[in-house]
Amino acid sequence: MTAAEKLYQLIQTLPESQIDEILNFAEFLHQKQLSPPQAISPGTLTGLRGIAKRSGLAPSDDELQAEYTDYLTQKYE
């Protein structure tokens, strides 16, 4: 028995509401297959991932707090 035949048999036993759900899902898969994958356009936030990455090891919590304290001190002097 093929997959299509098994699916047909299973669908025959389901209530109408669940058959509608299966139909919606099948149409979604069909549409997904027809449309080409969309590339992420340059300039989006996902295209900028990693741009602010530091070189080397990540700073510790104490180092981050000291940097932020220095930043605030300089900003509000």
N, C-alpha and C. Protein backbone atom coordinates (compact mmCIF):
# COMPACT_ATOMS: atom_id res chain seq x y z
N MET A 1 0.84 -1.17 0.00
CA MET A 1 0.00 0.00 0.00
C MET A 1 0.89 1.25 0.00
N THR A 2 0.59 2.18 -0.85
CA THR A 2 1.40 3.40 -0.95
C THR A 2 1.02 4.37 0.17
N ALA A 3 1.85 5.37 0.33
CA ALA A 3 1.58 6.38 1.36
C ALA A 3 0.29 7.12 1.06
N ALA A 4 0.04 7.40 -0.21
CA ALA A 4 -1.19 8.11 -0.59
C ALA A 4 -2.41 7.27 -0.24
N GLU A 5 -2.34 5.96 -0.45
CA GLU A 5 -3.47 5.09 -0.12
C GLU A 5 -3.70 5.02 1.39
N LYS A 6 -2.62 4.95 2.16
CA LYS A 6 -2.74 4.93 3.61
C LYS A 6 -3.36 6.23 4.11
N LEU A 7 -2.90 7.33 3.54
CA LEU A 7 -3.42 8.63 3.93
C LEU A 7 -4.90 8.74 3.61
N TYR A 8 -5.29 8.26 2.45
CA TYR A 8 -6.70 8.29 2.03
C TYR A 8 -7.57 7.49 3.00
N GLN A 9 -7.09 6.31 3.39
CA GLN A 9 -7.85 5.49 4.33
C GLN A 9 -7.99 6.16 5.69
N LEU A 10 -6.91 6.76 6.15
CA LEU A 10 -6.96 7.42 7.45
C LEU A 10 -7.89 8.63 7.43
N ILE A 11 -7.83 9.39 6.36
CA ILE A 11 -8.65 10.59 6.26
C ILE A 11 -10.14 10.24 6.24
N GLN A 12 -10.50 9.11 5.66
CA GLN A 12 -11.90 8.71 5.59
C GLN A 12 -12.52 8.51 6.98
N THR A 13 -11.69 8.21 7.97
CA THR A 13 -12.20 7.93 9.31
C THR A 13 -12.29 9.18 10.19
N LEU A 14 -11.74 10.29 9.71
CA LEU A 14 -11.67 11.50 10.53
C LEU A 14 -12.93 12.35 10.40
N PRO A 15 -13.22 13.16 11.44
CA PRO A 15 -14.32 14.12 11.33
C PRO A 15 -13.95 15.26 10.38
N GLU A 16 -14.96 15.96 9.90
CA GLU A 16 -14.77 17.01 8.89
C GLU A 16 -13.80 18.10 9.35
N SER A 17 -13.85 18.47 10.63
CA SER A 17 -12.97 19.54 11.13
C SER A 17 -11.49 19.15 11.01
N GLN A 18 -11.18 17.89 11.29
CA GLN A 18 -9.79 17.45 11.18
C GLN A 18 -9.38 17.29 9.73
N ILE A 19 -10.31 16.94 8.87
CA ILE A 19 -10.00 16.84 7.44
C ILE A 19 -9.66 18.23 6.90
N ASP A 20 -10.38 19.26 7.38
CA ASP A 20 -10.07 20.63 6.98
C ASP A 20 -8.66 21.03 7.42
N GLU A 21 -8.26 20.62 8.61
CA GLU A 21 -6.90 20.91 9.09
C GLU A 21 -5.85 20.25 8.20
N ILE A 22 -6.09 19.02 7.83
CA ILE A 22 -5.15 18.30 6.96
C ILE A 22 -5.08 18.97 5.60
N LEU A 23 -6.23 19.38 5.09
CA LEU A 23 -6.26 20.07 3.81
C LEU A 23 -5.48 21.38 3.87
N ASN A 24 -5.67 22.14 4.93
CA ASN A 24 -4.91 23.39 5.09
C ASN A 24 -3.41 23.13 5.14
N PHE A 25 -3.02 22.09 5.86
CA PHE A 25 -1.60 21.75 5.96
C PHE A 25 -1.05 21.32 4.60
N ALA A 26 -1.80 20.52 3.87
CA ALA A 26 -1.35 20.06 2.55
C ALA A 26 -1.22 21.24 1.59
N GLU A 27 -2.16 22.18 1.65
CA GLU A 27 -2.06 23.37 0.80
C GLU A 27 -0.86 24.22 1.18
N PHE A 28 -0.58 24.32 2.48
CA PHE A 28 0.60 25.05 2.95
C PHE A 28 1.88 24.42 2.39
N LEU A 29 1.99 23.10 2.49
CA LEU A 29 3.17 22.41 1.96
C LEU A 29 3.30 22.60 0.45
N HIS A 30 2.17 22.55 -0.24
CA HIS A 30 2.20 22.73 -1.69
C HIS A 30 2.67 24.14 -2.04
N GLN A 31 2.17 25.14 -1.35
CA GLN A 31 2.57 26.53 -1.60
C GLN A 31 4.03 26.73 -1.27
N LYS A 32 4.49 26.12 -0.19
CA LYS A 32 5.88 26.23 0.22
C LYS A 32 6.80 25.64 -0.85
N GLN A 33 6.36 24.57 -1.47
CA GLN A 33 7.15 23.92 -2.51
C GLN A 33 7.22 24.79 -3.76
N LEU A 34 6.15 25.52 -4.07
CA LEU A 34 6.10 26.33 -5.27
C LEU A 34 6.91 27.62 -5.16
N SER A 35 6.92 28.22 -3.98
CA SER A 35 7.61 29.50 -3.83
C SER A 35 9.09 29.28 -3.52
N PRO A 36 9.97 30.07 -4.16
CA PRO A 36 11.41 29.93 -3.89
C PRO A 36 11.72 30.47 -2.50
N PRO A 37 12.77 29.95 -1.87
CA PRO A 37 13.14 30.45 -0.54
C PRO A 37 13.55 31.91 -0.63
N GLN A 38 13.14 32.68 0.35
CA GLN A 38 13.43 34.11 0.35
C GLN A 38 14.74 34.37 1.07
N ALA A 39 15.61 35.12 0.40
CA ALA A 39 16.89 35.47 1.01
C ALA A 39 16.68 36.66 1.95
N ILE A 40 17.49 36.72 2.96
CA ILE A 40 17.43 37.84 3.89
C ILE A 40 18.10 39.02 3.23
N SER A 41 17.37 40.10 3.14
CA SER A 41 17.93 41.27 2.46
C SER A 41 19.01 41.91 3.31
N PRO A 42 20.04 42.45 2.65
CA PRO A 42 21.11 43.10 3.41
C PRO A 42 20.56 44.31 4.16
N GLY A 43 21.09 44.53 5.34
CA GLY A 43 20.65 45.66 6.13
C GLY A 43 19.64 45.29 7.20
N THR A 44 19.16 44.07 7.19
CA THR A 44 18.25 43.66 8.25
C THR A 44 19.06 43.33 9.49
N LEU A 45 18.39 43.28 10.60
CA LEU A 45 19.11 43.01 11.85
C LEU A 45 19.77 41.64 11.85
N THR A 46 19.14 40.68 11.22
CA THR A 46 19.76 39.36 11.19
C THR A 46 21.02 39.37 10.33
N GLY A 47 21.10 40.28 9.37
CA GLY A 47 22.30 40.40 8.56
C GLY A 47 23.46 41.01 9.33
N LEU A 48 23.16 41.65 10.46
CA LEU A 48 24.19 42.31 11.26
C LEU A 48 24.66 41.45 12.43
N ARG A 49 24.20 40.22 12.49
CA ARG A 49 24.55 39.34 13.61
C ARG A 49 26.06 39.23 13.75
N GLY A 50 26.56 39.46 14.96
CA GLY A 50 27.98 39.30 15.23
C GLY A 50 28.81 40.53 14.95
N ILE A 51 28.20 41.63 14.52
CA ILE A 51 28.97 42.81 14.14
C ILE A 51 29.62 43.46 15.37
N ALA A 52 29.01 43.33 16.52
CA ALA A 52 29.56 43.95 17.72
C ALA A 52 30.33 42.96 18.58
N LYS A 53 30.72 41.87 17.99
CA LYS A 53 31.44 40.84 18.73
C LYS A 53 32.84 41.32 19.09
N ARG A 54 33.24 41.06 20.30
CA ARG A 54 34.59 41.41 20.73
C ARG A 54 35.57 40.34 20.29
N SER A 55 36.78 40.75 20.05
CA SER A 55 37.81 39.76 19.74
C SER A 55 38.35 39.22 21.05
N GLY A 56 38.71 37.98 21.07
CA GLY A 56 39.23 37.37 22.27
C GLY A 56 38.14 36.83 23.17
N LEU A 57 38.48 36.62 24.44
CA LEU A 57 37.54 36.05 25.40
C LEU A 57 36.51 37.08 25.83
N ALA A 58 35.36 36.60 26.21
CA ALA A 58 34.31 37.49 26.71
C ALA A 58 34.72 38.01 28.08
N PRO A 59 34.41 39.28 28.36
CA PRO A 59 34.79 39.84 29.67
C PRO A 59 33.96 39.23 30.79
N SER A 60 34.52 39.26 31.99
CA SER A 60 33.80 38.74 33.15
C SER A 60 32.74 39.74 33.58
N ASP A 61 31.89 39.33 34.50
CA ASP A 61 30.86 40.22 35.01
C ASP A 61 31.46 41.45 35.69
N ASP A 62 32.54 41.24 36.44
CA ASP A 62 33.21 42.35 37.12
C ASP A 62 33.78 43.34 36.12
N GLU A 63 34.38 42.83 35.05
CA GLU A 63 34.93 43.72 34.02
C GLU A 63 33.83 44.51 33.32
N LEU A 64 32.72 43.85 33.05
CA LEU A 64 31.60 44.55 32.42
C LEU A 64 31.05 45.64 33.33
N GLN A 65 30.93 45.34 34.61
CA GLN A 65 30.43 46.33 35.55
C GLN A 65 31.39 47.51 35.66
N ALA A 66 32.70 47.23 35.67
CA ALA A 66 33.69 48.31 35.74
C ALA A 66 33.62 49.17 34.48
N GLU A 67 33.49 48.55 33.30
CA GLU A 67 33.37 49.31 32.06
C GLU A 67 32.14 50.19 32.07
N TYR A 68 31.02 49.65 32.54
CA TYR A 68 29.78 50.41 32.57
C TYR A 68 29.87 51.56 33.57
N THR A 69 30.50 51.32 34.69
CA THR A 69 30.70 52.38 35.69
C THR A 69 31.56 53.49 35.10
N ASP A 70 32.63 53.13 34.41
CA ASP A 70 33.48 54.12 33.76
C ASP A 70 32.71 54.91 32.71
N TYR A 71 31.89 54.20 31.94
CA TYR A 71 31.09 54.85 30.91
C TYR A 71 30.14 55.88 31.53
N LEU A 72 29.44 55.49 32.59
CA LEU A 72 28.50 56.41 33.24
C LEU A 72 29.23 57.59 33.88
N THR A 73 30.39 57.33 34.47
CA THR A 73 31.18 58.40 35.07
C THR A 73 31.58 59.43 34.02
N GLN A 74 32.06 58.96 32.89
CA GLN A 74 32.47 59.87 31.81
C GLN A 74 31.27 60.60 31.22
N LYS A 75 30.16 59.93 31.11
CA LYS A 75 28.99 60.52 30.50
C LYS A 75 28.41 61.65 31.35
N TYR A 76 28.41 61.50 32.67
CA TYR A 76 27.75 62.46 33.54
C TYR A 76 28.72 63.35 34.32
N GLU A 77 29.96 63.45 33.90
CA GLU A 77 30.90 64.35 34.57
C GLU A 77 30.65 65.77 34.15
